[in-house]
Amino acid sequence: MGKAQIDIPKEKIAEFCKKWQIREFSFFGSVLRDDFRPESDIDVIVDFTPEASHSLFDLVDMTDELKDIFSREVDLLTKRSVEQSRNYIRRKAILSSIEVVYVS
């Protein structure tokens, strides 16, 4: 695993995180590997502040905003959903490979 294979618009990510009460924003998956391609999507994992309360519709809106920020498809996961996943292999693979790009 390595450094993100894209330019990271840090100011836009910071604004996005403040708007949605995100305390940690990270990448995982192919965006961190050499096999990342122009047609690849970006895998994002976010950890919300304790005060945050978002609906499924909010997650769809967040995904759409991230698509606009990165100009490509985005898969958005919450850290909580990954941590609570019954699939130990998937949970371990994701959590051990994340690259944090924003912390509030």
C-alpha atoms as a PDB file:
ATOM      1  CA  MET A   1       0.000   0.000   0.000  1.00  0.00           C
ATOM      2  CA  GLY A   2       1.196   3.453  -0.709  1.00  0.00           C
ATOM      3  CA  LYS A   3       0.365   7.043  -1.211  1.00  0.00           C
ATOM      4  CA  ALA A   4      -2.808   8.133  -3.001  1.00  0.00           C
ATOM      5  CA  GLN A   5      -2.457   8.038  -6.792  1.00  0.00           C
ATOM      6  CA  ILE A   6      -4.485  11.254  -7.269  1.00  0.00           C
ATOM      7  CA  ASP A   7      -4.124  14.921  -6.442  1.00  0.00           C
ATOM      8  CA  ILE A   8      -5.920  15.509  -3.165  1.00  0.00           C
ATOM      9  CA  PRO A   9      -7.941  18.756  -3.066  1.00  0.00           C
ATOM     10  CA  LYS A  10      -7.331  19.261   0.659  1.00  0.00           C
ATOM     11  CA  GLU A  11      -9.332  22.488   0.990  1.00  0.00           C
ATOM     12  CA  LYS A  12     -12.391  20.943  -0.665  1.00  0.00           C
ATOM     13  CA  ILE A  13     -12.087  17.837   1.500  1.00  0.00           C
ATOM     14  CA  ALA A  14     -11.813  19.987   4.635  1.00  0.00           C
ATOM     15  CA  GLU A  15     -14.948  21.955   3.640  1.00  0.00           C
ATOM     16  CA  PHE A  16     -16.789  18.714   2.878  1.00  0.00           C
ATOM     17  CA  CYS A  17     -15.797  17.229   6.242  1.00  0.00           C
ATOM     18  CA  LYS A  18     -16.844  20.305   8.207  1.00  0.00           C
ATOM     19  CA  LYS A  19     -20.195  20.434   6.414  1.00  0.00           C
ATOM     20  CA  TRP A  20     -20.971  16.773   7.134  1.00  0.00           C
ATOM     21  CA  GLN A  21     -19.434  16.578  10.635  1.00  0.00           C
ATOM     22  CA  ILE A  22     -16.688  14.174   9.585  1.00  0.00           C
ATOM     23  CA  ARG A  23     -13.752  13.874  11.953  1.00  0.00           C
ATOM     24  CA  GLU A  24     -11.646  11.571   9.769  1.00  0.00           C
ATOM     25  CA  PHE A  25     -11.562  11.144   5.986  1.00  0.00           C
ATOM     26  CA  SER A  26      -9.503   8.330   4.470  1.00  0.00           C
ATOM     27  CA  PHE A  27      -8.833   6.501   1.230  1.00  0.00           C
ATOM     28  CA  PHE A  28      -8.535   2.748   0.785  1.00  0.00           C
ATOM     29  CA  GLY A  29      -8.416   0.375  -2.156  1.00  0.00           C
ATOM     30  CA  SER A  30      -6.950   0.864  -5.610  1.00  0.00           C
ATOM     31  CA  VAL A  31      -6.438   4.623  -5.202  1.00  0.00           C
ATOM     32  CA  LEU A  32      -3.505   3.674  -2.953  1.00  0.00           C
ATOM     33  CA  ARG A  33      -2.032   1.060  -5.278  1.00  0.00           C
ATOM     34  CA  ASP A  34      -0.118   1.025  -8.531  1.00  0.00           C
ATOM     35  CA  ASP A  35      -3.065  -0.621 -10.327  1.00  0.00           C
ATOM     36  CA  PHE A  36      -5.158   2.589 -10.022  1.00  0.00           C
ATOM     37  CA  ARG A  37      -6.374   3.572 -13.505  1.00  0.00           C
ATOM     38  CA  PRO A  38      -8.180   6.560 -15.060  1.00  0.00           C
ATOM     39  CA  GLU A  39     -11.439   4.561 -15.012  1.00  0.00           C
ATOM     40  CA  SER A  40     -10.994   3.407 -11.396  1.00  0.00           C
ATOM     41  CA  ASP A  41     -13.357   4.631  -8.725  1.00  0.00           C
ATOM     42  CA  ILE A  42     -12.167   6.125  -5.449  1.00  0.00           C
ATOM     43  CA  ASP A  43     -12.844   4.245  -2.227  1.00  0.00           C
ATOM     44  CA  VAL A  44     -13.470   6.571   0.721  1.00  0.00           C
ATOM     45  CA  ILE A  45     -14.088   5.808   4.370  1.00  0.00           C
ATOM     46  CA  VAL A  46     -15.332   8.470   6.787  1.00  0.00           C
ATOM     47  CA  ASP A  47     -15.668   8.615  10.551  1.00  0.00           C
ATOM     48  CA  PHE A  48     -18.313  11.018  11.841  1.00  0.00           C
ATOM     49  CA  THR A  49     -18.228  13.146  14.967  1.00  0.00           C
ATOM     50  CA  PRO A  50     -20.330  11.805  17.861  1.00  0.00           C
ATOM     51  CA  GLU A  51     -22.884  14.588  17.268  1.00  0.00           C
ATOM     52  CA  ALA A  52     -23.447  13.671  13.615  1.00  0.00           C
ATOM     53  CA  SER A  53     -26.710  12.001  12.671  1.00  0.00           C
ATOM     54  CA  HIS A  54     -27.103  11.253   8.981  1.00  0.00           C
ATOM     55  CA  SER A  55     -29.677   9.367   6.977  1.00  0.00           C
ATOM     56  CA  LEU A  56     -29.112   7.063   4.044  1.00  0.00           C
ATOM     57  CA  PHE A  57     -30.195   9.953   1.822  1.00  0.00           C
ATOM     58  CA  ASP A  58     -27.417  12.070   3.326  1.00  0.00           C
ATOM     59  CA  LEU A  59     -24.884   9.372   2.416  1.00  0.00           C
ATOM     60  CA  VAL A  60     -26.149   9.476  -1.172  1.00  0.00           C
ATOM     61  CA  ASP A  61     -25.741  13.270  -1.184  1.00  0.00           C
ATOM     62  CA  MET A  62     -22.226  12.926   0.255  1.00  0.00           C
ATOM     63  CA  THR A  63     -21.309  10.429  -2.444  1.00  0.00           C
ATOM     64  CA  ASP A  64     -22.598  12.790  -5.137  1.00  0.00           C
ATOM     65  CA  GLU A  65     -20.562  15.667  -3.688  1.00  0.00           C
ATOM     66  CA  LEU A  66     -17.439  13.532  -3.654  1.00  0.00           C
ATOM     67  CA  LYS A  67     -18.045  12.537  -7.281  1.00  0.00           C
ATOM     68  CA  ASP A  68     -18.053  16.244  -8.134  1.00  0.00           C
ATOM     69  CA  ILE A  69     -14.900  16.912  -6.094  1.00  0.00           C
ATOM     70  CA  PHE A  70     -12.919  14.062  -7.671  1.00  0.00           C
ATOM     71  CA  SER A  71     -14.612  13.964 -11.110  1.00  0.00           C
ATOM     72  CA  ARG A  72     -14.969  10.186 -10.940  1.00  0.00           C
ATOM     73  CA  GLU A  73     -17.071   7.498  -9.294  1.00  0.00           C
ATOM     74  CA  VAL A  74     -16.786   7.173  -5.516  1.00  0.00           C
ATOM     75  CA  ASP A  75     -17.595   4.334  -3.138  1.00  0.00           C
ATOM     76  CA  LEU A  76     -18.297   5.767   0.317  1.00  0.00           C
ATOM     77  CA  LEU A  77     -18.215   3.691   3.492  1.00  0.00           C
ATOM     78  CA  THR A  78     -18.512   4.704   7.106  1.00  0.00           C
ATOM     79  CA  LYS A  79     -15.813   3.569   9.481  1.00  0.00           C
ATOM     80  CA  ARG A  80     -18.469   2.347  11.873  1.00  0.00           C
ATOM     81  CA  SER A  81     -20.032   0.081   9.242  1.00  0.00           C
ATOM     82  CA  VAL A  82     -16.644  -1.422   8.441  1.00  0.00           C
ATOM     83  CA  GLU A  83     -15.755  -1.904  12.110  1.00  0.00           C
ATOM     84  CA  GLN A  84     -19.085  -3.660  12.689  1.00  0.00           C
ATOM     85  CA  SER A  85     -18.859  -5.827   9.579  1.00  0.00           C
ATOM     86  CA  ARG A  86     -19.268  -9.545  10.181  1.00  0.00           C
ATOM     87  CA  ASN A  87     -16.777 -10.184   7.391  1.00  0.00           C
ATOM     88  CA  TYR A  88     -13.514 -10.260   9.343  1.00  0.00           C
ATOM     89  CA  ILE A  89     -11.332 -10.537   6.234  1.00  0.00           C
ATOM     90  CA  ARG A  90     -12.927  -7.512   4.550  1.00  0.00           C
ATOM     91  CA  ARG A  91     -12.866  -5.522   7.803  1.00  0.00           C
ATOM     92  CA  LYS A  92      -9.182  -6.253   8.382  1.00  0.00           C
ATOM     93  CA  ALA A  93      -8.234  -5.573   4.748  1.00  0.00           C
ATOM     94  CA  ILE A  94      -9.922  -2.168   4.712  1.00  0.00           C
ATOM     95  CA  LEU A  95      -8.891  -0.950   8.160  1.00  0.00           C
ATOM     96  CA  SER A  96      -5.269  -2.026   7.729  1.00  0.00           C
ATOM     97  CA  SER A  97      -4.892  -0.244   4.400  1.00  0.00           C
ATOM     98  CA  ILE A  98      -6.481   3.176   4.914  1.00  0.00           C
ATOM     99  CA  GLU A  99      -4.618   6.418   4.298  1.00  0.00           C
ATOM    100  CA  VAL A 100      -5.998   9.243   6.414  1.00  0.00           C
ATOM    101  CA  VAL A 101      -6.098  12.539   4.499  1.00  0.00           C
ATOM    102  CA  TYR A 102      -8.145  14.695   6.896  1.00  0.00           C
ATOM    103  CA  VAL A 103      -8.534  14.778  10.673  1.00  0.00           C
ATOM    104  CA  SER A 104     -10.534  17.437  12.504  1.00  0.00           C
END
